[in-house]
Amino acid sequence: MAIIIITGASHTGKTVLAQRMLEKYKYPYLSIDHLKMGLIRSGNSALTPEDDDELTVYLWPIVREMIKTAVENVQNLIVEGCYIPFNWRQDFDEEYLPYIRYICLAMTDSYIDTHFETIKGYASEVECRGDDSACTIDRVRAENRAYREGCARAGEQPVLIDSDYEQTIRSLLD
């Protein structure tokens, strides 16, 4: 039994990795973005898709308890999204942690500088992003840097995408 948490900055391939894991392992897959939009569109939240920090505070307690339920029921689950706090471990008793695999995808500045057009080109590989004009090289650099630094502060090790994206993703599937 395994719970796989996949997080990271926008455009790092979280959804692609989750989709590939679903196809390989046949584990159910929860997109936190789907949960977010369901709550927003149904009127159960006054938050908007742009309220990232507030969404983490709002969504994480729900997702955390879903993860605990999956562990208690000996069920596999892939959870994917950016609304996972860096200090997520503090919300789980020791009995849960052996079943949870945490993956935080983060690109290095050099990778972003070299591959920015490719990164943007794959933005809608699994999901339709619509208007992606807010995705600038400076924003992608800043978001990835924030994830690398957040992981470091929490004692987590991000999966760095530095040279070969496909090889990095393949290594996570093994």
C-alpha atoms as a PDB file:
ATOM      1  CA  MET A   1       0.000   0.000   0.000  1.00  0.00           C
ATOM      2  CA  ALA A   2       1.303   3.431  -0.904  1.00  0.00           C
ATOM      3  CA  ILE A   3       0.218   7.030  -0.775  1.00  0.00           C
ATOM      4  CA  ILE A   4       2.153   9.180  -3.237  1.00  0.00           C
ATOM      5  CA  ILE A   5       2.028  12.939  -2.761  1.00  0.00           C
ATOM      6  CA  ILE A   6       3.194  14.915  -5.799  1.00  0.00           C
ATOM      7  CA  THR A   7       3.684  18.642  -5.421  1.00  0.00           C
ATOM      8  CA  GLY A   8       5.817  21.384  -6.906  1.00  0.00           C
ATOM      9  CA  ALA A   9       5.689  24.665  -8.719  1.00  0.00           C
ATOM     10  CA  SER A  10       3.421  25.307 -11.661  1.00  0.00           C
ATOM     11  CA  HIS A  11       4.643  23.832 -14.973  1.00  0.00           C
ATOM     12  CA  THR A  12       6.977  21.261 -13.361  1.00  0.00           C
ATOM     13  CA  GLY A  13       5.004  18.252 -14.591  1.00  0.00           C
ATOM     14  CA  LYS A  14       3.081  17.238 -11.456  1.00  0.00           C
ATOM     15  CA  THR A  15       0.024  16.235 -13.454  1.00  0.00           C
ATOM     16  CA  VAL A  16       2.092  14.422 -16.084  1.00  0.00           C
ATOM     17  CA  LEU A  17       3.851  12.407 -13.373  1.00  0.00           C
ATOM     18  CA  ALA A  18       0.556  11.607 -11.623  1.00  0.00           C
ATOM     19  CA  GLN A  19      -0.997  10.479 -14.906  1.00  0.00           C
ATOM     20  CA  ARG A  20       1.979   8.244 -15.701  1.00  0.00           C
ATOM     21  CA  MET A  21       1.870   6.738 -12.208  1.00  0.00           C
ATOM     22  CA  LEU A  22      -1.848   6.090 -12.569  1.00  0.00           C
ATOM     23  CA  GLU A  23      -1.221   4.308 -15.866  1.00  0.00           C
ATOM     24  CA  LYS A  24       1.704   2.279 -14.499  1.00  0.00           C
ATOM     25  CA  TYR A  25       0.468   1.372 -11.013  1.00  0.00           C
ATOM     26  CA  LYS A  26      -3.313   1.639 -11.524  1.00  0.00           C
ATOM     27  CA  TYR A  27      -3.581   3.649  -8.277  1.00  0.00           C
ATOM     28  CA  PRO A  28      -6.493   6.065  -7.904  1.00  0.00           C
ATOM     29  CA  TYR A  29      -5.475   9.665  -8.466  1.00  0.00           C
ATOM     30  CA  LEU A  30      -6.788  12.779  -6.717  1.00  0.00           C
ATOM     31  CA  SER A  31      -6.124  16.122  -8.354  1.00  0.00           C
ATOM     32  CA  ILE A  32      -6.278  18.813  -5.687  1.00  0.00           C
ATOM     33  CA  ASP A  33      -7.076  21.264  -8.512  1.00  0.00           C
ATOM     34  CA  HIS A  34     -10.264  19.305  -9.243  1.00  0.00           C
ATOM     35  CA  LEU A  35     -11.231  19.454  -5.572  1.00  0.00           C
ATOM     36  CA  LYS A  36     -10.446  23.196  -5.520  1.00  0.00           C
ATOM     37  CA  MET A  37     -12.552  23.956  -8.578  1.00  0.00           C
ATOM     38  CA  GLY A  38     -15.419  21.783  -7.342  1.00  0.00           C
ATOM     39  CA  LEU A  39     -15.542  23.708  -4.074  1.00  0.00           C
ATOM     40  CA  ILE A  40     -15.242  27.085  -5.821  1.00  0.00           C
ATOM     41  CA  ARG A  41     -17.749  26.380  -8.620  1.00  0.00           C
ATOM     42  CA  SER A  42     -20.287  24.848  -6.221  1.00  0.00           C
ATOM     43  CA  GLY A  43     -20.239  27.970  -4.071  1.00  0.00           C
ATOM     44  CA  ASN A  44     -18.822  26.097  -1.074  1.00  0.00           C
ATOM     45  CA  SER A  45     -15.881  28.499  -0.992  1.00  0.00           C
ATOM     46  CA  ALA A  46     -15.572  32.220  -1.639  1.00  0.00           C
ATOM     47  CA  LEU A  47     -11.919  31.721  -2.588  1.00  0.00           C
ATOM     48  CA  THR A  48     -10.753  32.118  -6.175  1.00  0.00           C
ATOM     49  CA  PRO A  49      -8.205  30.045  -8.140  1.00  0.00           C
ATOM     50  CA  GLU A  50      -5.658  32.845  -7.560  1.00  0.00           C
ATOM     51  CA  ASP A  51      -5.831  32.612  -3.731  1.00  0.00           C
ATOM     52  CA  ASP A  52      -2.931  30.141  -3.466  1.00  0.00           C
ATOM     53  CA  ASP A  53      -1.923  30.620   0.182  1.00  0.00           C
ATOM     54  CA  GLU A  54      -5.515  30.683   1.400  1.00  0.00           C
ATOM     55  CA  LEU A  55      -6.319  27.622  -0.706  1.00  0.00           C
ATOM     56  CA  THR A  56      -3.518  25.664   0.950  1.00  0.00           C
ATOM     57  CA  VAL A  57      -4.931  26.518   4.389  1.00  0.00           C
ATOM     58  CA  TYR A  58      -8.440  25.596   3.214  1.00  0.00           C
ATOM     59  CA  LEU A  59      -7.704  22.442   1.195  1.00  0.00           C
ATOM     60  CA  TRP A  60      -4.845  20.796   3.094  1.00  0.00           C
ATOM     61  CA  PRO A  61      -6.926  19.723   6.129  1.00  0.00           C
ATOM     62  CA  ILE A  62      -9.383  18.002   3.782  1.00  0.00           C
ATOM     63  CA  VAL A  63      -6.668  16.335   1.703  1.00  0.00           C
ATOM     64  CA  ARG A  64      -4.709  15.345   4.825  1.00  0.00           C
ATOM     65  CA  GLU A  65      -7.718  13.516   6.252  1.00  0.00           C
ATOM     66  CA  MET A  66      -8.356  11.805   2.904  1.00  0.00           C
ATOM     67  CA  ILE A  67      -4.758  10.533   3.000  1.00  0.00           C
ATOM     68  CA  LYS A  68      -5.206   9.256   6.555  1.00  0.00           C
ATOM     69  CA  THR A  69      -8.416   7.485   5.533  1.00  0.00           C
ATOM     70  CA  ALA A  70      -6.655   5.815   2.592  1.00  0.00           C
ATOM     71  CA  VAL A  71      -3.849   4.601   4.887  1.00  0.00           C
ATOM     72  CA  GLU A  72      -6.325   3.310   7.472  1.00  0.00           C
ATOM     73  CA  ASN A  73      -8.238   1.456   4.757  1.00  0.00           C
ATOM     74  CA  VAL A  74      -5.019   0.031   3.236  1.00  0.00           C
ATOM     75  CA  GLN A  75      -5.695   1.753  -0.086  1.00  0.00           C
ATOM     76  CA  ASN A  76      -3.270   3.149  -2.640  1.00  0.00           C
ATOM     77  CA  LEU A  77      -3.676   6.783  -3.652  1.00  0.00           C
ATOM     78  CA  ILE A  78      -1.850   9.382  -5.728  1.00  0.00           C
ATOM     79  CA  VAL A  79      -2.475  12.959  -4.553  1.00  0.00           C
ATOM     80  CA  GLU A  80      -1.286  15.696  -6.892  1.00  0.00           C
ATOM     81  CA  GLY A  81      -1.293  19.455  -6.524  1.00  0.00           C
ATOM     82  CA  CYS A  82       0.461  22.524  -5.250  1.00  0.00           C
ATOM     83  CA  TYR A  83      -1.669  22.998  -2.115  1.00  0.00           C
ATOM     84  CA  ILE A  84       0.513  20.847   0.130  1.00  0.00           C
ATOM     85  CA  PRO A  85       2.449  22.632   2.874  1.00  0.00           C
ATOM     86  CA  PHE A  86       6.181  22.024   3.071  1.00  0.00           C
ATOM     87  CA  ASN A  87       5.807  20.957   6.707  1.00  0.00           C
ATOM     88  CA  TRP A  88       3.179  18.331   5.793  1.00  0.00           C
ATOM     89  CA  ARG A  89       4.867  15.643   7.936  1.00  0.00           C
ATOM     90  CA  GLN A  90       3.895  17.373  11.175  1.00  0.00           C
ATOM     91  CA  ASP A  91       0.235  16.585  10.409  1.00  0.00           C
ATOM     92  CA  PHE A  92       0.752  12.810  10.495  1.00  0.00           C
ATOM     93  CA  ASP A  93       1.445  10.509  13.422  1.00  0.00           C
ATOM     94  CA  GLU A  94       4.372   8.129  12.979  1.00  0.00           C
ATOM     95  CA  GLU A  95       2.004   5.275  12.081  1.00  0.00           C
ATOM     96  CA  TYR A  96       1.098   6.999   8.775  1.00  0.00           C
ATOM     97  CA  LEU A  97       4.483   8.212   7.539  1.00  0.00           C
ATOM     98  CA  PRO A  98       5.929   4.851   6.360  1.00  0.00           C
ATOM     99  CA  TYR A  99       3.113   4.631   3.803  1.00  0.00           C
ATOM    100  CA  ILE A 100       3.544   8.122   2.346  1.00  0.00           C
ATOM    101  CA  ARG A 101       5.990   8.961  -0.429  1.00  0.00           C
ATOM    102  CA  TYR A 102       6.499  12.699  -0.924  1.00  0.00           C
ATOM    103  CA  ILE A 103       7.676  14.010  -4.287  1.00  0.00           C
ATOM    104  CA  CYS A 104       8.267  17.724  -4.789  1.00  0.00           C
ATOM    105  CA  LEU A 105       9.250  18.609  -8.353  1.00  0.00           C
ATOM    106  CA  ALA A 106      11.416  21.706  -8.803  1.00  0.00           C
ATOM    107  CA  MET A 107      13.383  22.965 -11.765  1.00  0.00           C
ATOM    108  CA  THR A 108      16.756  24.654 -11.479  1.00  0.00           C
ATOM    109  CA  ASP A 109      17.223  28.151 -12.874  1.00  0.00           C
ATOM    110  CA  SER A 110      19.617  26.816 -15.507  1.00  0.00           C
ATOM    111  CA  TYR A 111      17.062  24.235 -16.648  1.00  0.00           C
ATOM    112  CA  ILE A 112      14.362  26.912 -16.896  1.00  0.00           C
ATOM    113  CA  ASP A 113      16.679  29.278 -18.793  1.00  0.00           C
ATOM    114  CA  THR A 114      17.596  26.570 -21.295  1.00  0.00           C
ATOM    115  CA  HIS A 115      14.152  24.972 -21.728  1.00  0.00           C
ATOM    116  CA  PHE A 116      11.565  27.701 -21.075  1.00  0.00           C
ATOM    117  CA  GLU A 117       9.854  27.459 -24.467  1.00  0.00           C
ATOM    118  CA  THR A 118       9.621  23.666 -24.125  1.00  0.00           C
ATOM    119  CA  ILE A 119       8.200  24.051 -20.604  1.00  0.00           C
ATOM    120  CA  LYS A 120       5.478  26.348 -21.946  1.00  0.00           C
ATOM    121  CA  GLY A 121       4.889  24.002 -24.877  1.00  0.00           C
ATOM    122  CA  TYR A 122       3.994  21.131 -22.551  1.00  0.00           C
ATOM    123  CA  ALA A 123       1.728  23.198 -20.293  1.00  0.00           C
ATOM    124  CA  SER A 124      -1.459  21.556 -21.566  1.00  0.00           C
ATOM    125  CA  GLU A 125      -0.144  18.031 -22.114  1.00  0.00           C
ATOM    126  CA  VAL A 126      -2.596  16.441 -19.654  1.00  0.00           C
ATOM    127  CA  GLU A 127      -4.953  19.280 -18.729  1.00  0.00           C
ATOM    128  CA  CYS A 128      -6.192  22.311 -20.639  1.00  0.00           C
ATOM    129  CA  ARG A 129      -4.638  25.403 -19.085  1.00  0.00           C
ATOM    130  CA  GLY A 130      -6.433  27.913 -21.292  1.00  0.00           C
ATOM    131  CA  ASP A 131      -4.833  31.339 -21.057  1.00  0.00           C
ATOM    132  CA  ASP A 132      -1.255  30.743 -19.907  1.00  0.00           C
ATOM    133  CA  SER A 133       0.005  34.283 -20.542  1.00  0.00           C
ATOM    134  CA  ALA A 134       0.896  34.745 -16.850  1.00  0.00           C
ATOM    135  CA  CYS A 135       3.584  32.107 -17.292  1.00  0.00           C
ATOM    136  CA  THR A 136       6.771  34.109 -17.713  1.00  0.00           C
ATOM    137  CA  ILE A 137      10.343  32.951 -17.302  1.00  0.00           C
ATOM    138  CA  ASP A 138      10.748  35.186 -14.246  1.00  0.00           C
ATOM    139  CA  ARG A 139       7.602  33.790 -12.623  1.00  0.00           C
ATOM    140  CA  VAL A 140       8.629  30.179 -13.319  1.00  0.00           C
ATOM    141  CA  ARG A 141      12.092  30.863 -11.858  1.00  0.00           C
ATOM    142  CA  ALA A 142      10.607  32.521  -8.755  1.00  0.00           C
ATOM    143  CA  GLU A 143       8.046  29.761  -8.133  1.00  0.00           C
ATOM    144  CA  ASN A 144      10.624  26.987  -8.512  1.00  0.00           C
ATOM    145  CA  ARG A 145      13.060  28.826  -6.263  1.00  0.00           C
ATOM    146  CA  ALA A 146      10.296  29.176  -3.638  1.00  0.00           C
ATOM    147  CA  TYR A 147       9.679  25.408  -3.767  1.00  0.00           C
ATOM    148  CA  ARG A 148      13.379  24.592  -3.480  1.00  0.00           C
ATOM    149  CA  GLU A 149      13.734  26.955  -0.515  1.00  0.00           C
ATOM    150  CA  GLY A 150      10.498  25.751   1.125  1.00  0.00           C
ATOM    151  CA  CYS A 151      11.672  22.152   0.909  1.00  0.00           C
ATOM    152  CA  ALA A 152      15.033  23.101   2.407  1.00  0.00           C
ATOM    153  CA  ARG A 153      13.383  24.920   5.342  1.00  0.00           C
ATOM    154  CA  ALA A 154      11.175  21.885   6.030  1.00  0.00           C
ATOM    155  CA  GLY A 155      14.016  19.387   5.706  1.00  0.00           C
ATOM    156  CA  GLU A 156      12.569  17.892   2.524  1.00  0.00           C
ATOM    157  CA  GLN A 157      14.587  17.006  -0.547  1.00  0.00           C
ATOM    158  CA  PRO A 158      12.991  18.193  -3.809  1.00  0.00           C
ATOM    159  CA  VAL A 159      13.403  16.220  -7.009  1.00  0.00           C
ATOM    160  CA  LEU A 160      15.499  18.637  -9.044  1.00  0.00           C
ATOM    161  CA  ILE A 161      14.923  18.828 -12.752  1.00  0.00           C
ATOM    162  CA  ASP A 162      18.273  20.051 -13.978  1.00  0.00           C
ATOM    163  CA  SER A 163      19.108  18.490 -17.332  1.00  0.00           C
ATOM    164  CA  ASP A 164      16.954  15.652 -18.679  1.00  0.00           C
ATOM    165  CA  TYR A 165      13.291  16.050 -17.758  1.00  0.00           C
ATOM    166  CA  GLU A 166      12.170  12.686 -19.161  1.00  0.00           C
ATOM    167  CA  GLN A 167      14.932  10.807 -17.377  1.00  0.00           C
ATOM    168  CA  THR A 168      14.006  12.493 -14.094  1.00  0.00           C
ATOM    169  CA  ILE A 169      10.345  11.531 -14.498  1.00  0.00           C
ATOM    170  CA  ARG A 170      11.235   7.967 -15.547  1.00  0.00           C
ATOM    171  CA  SER A 171      13.433   7.574 -12.471  1.00  0.00           C
ATOM    172  CA  LEU A 172      10.417   8.424 -10.273  1.00  0.00           C
ATOM    173  CA  LEU A 173       8.373   5.678 -11.930  1.00  0.00           C
ATOM    174  CA  ASP A 174      10.869   2.960 -10.984  1.00  0.00           C
END
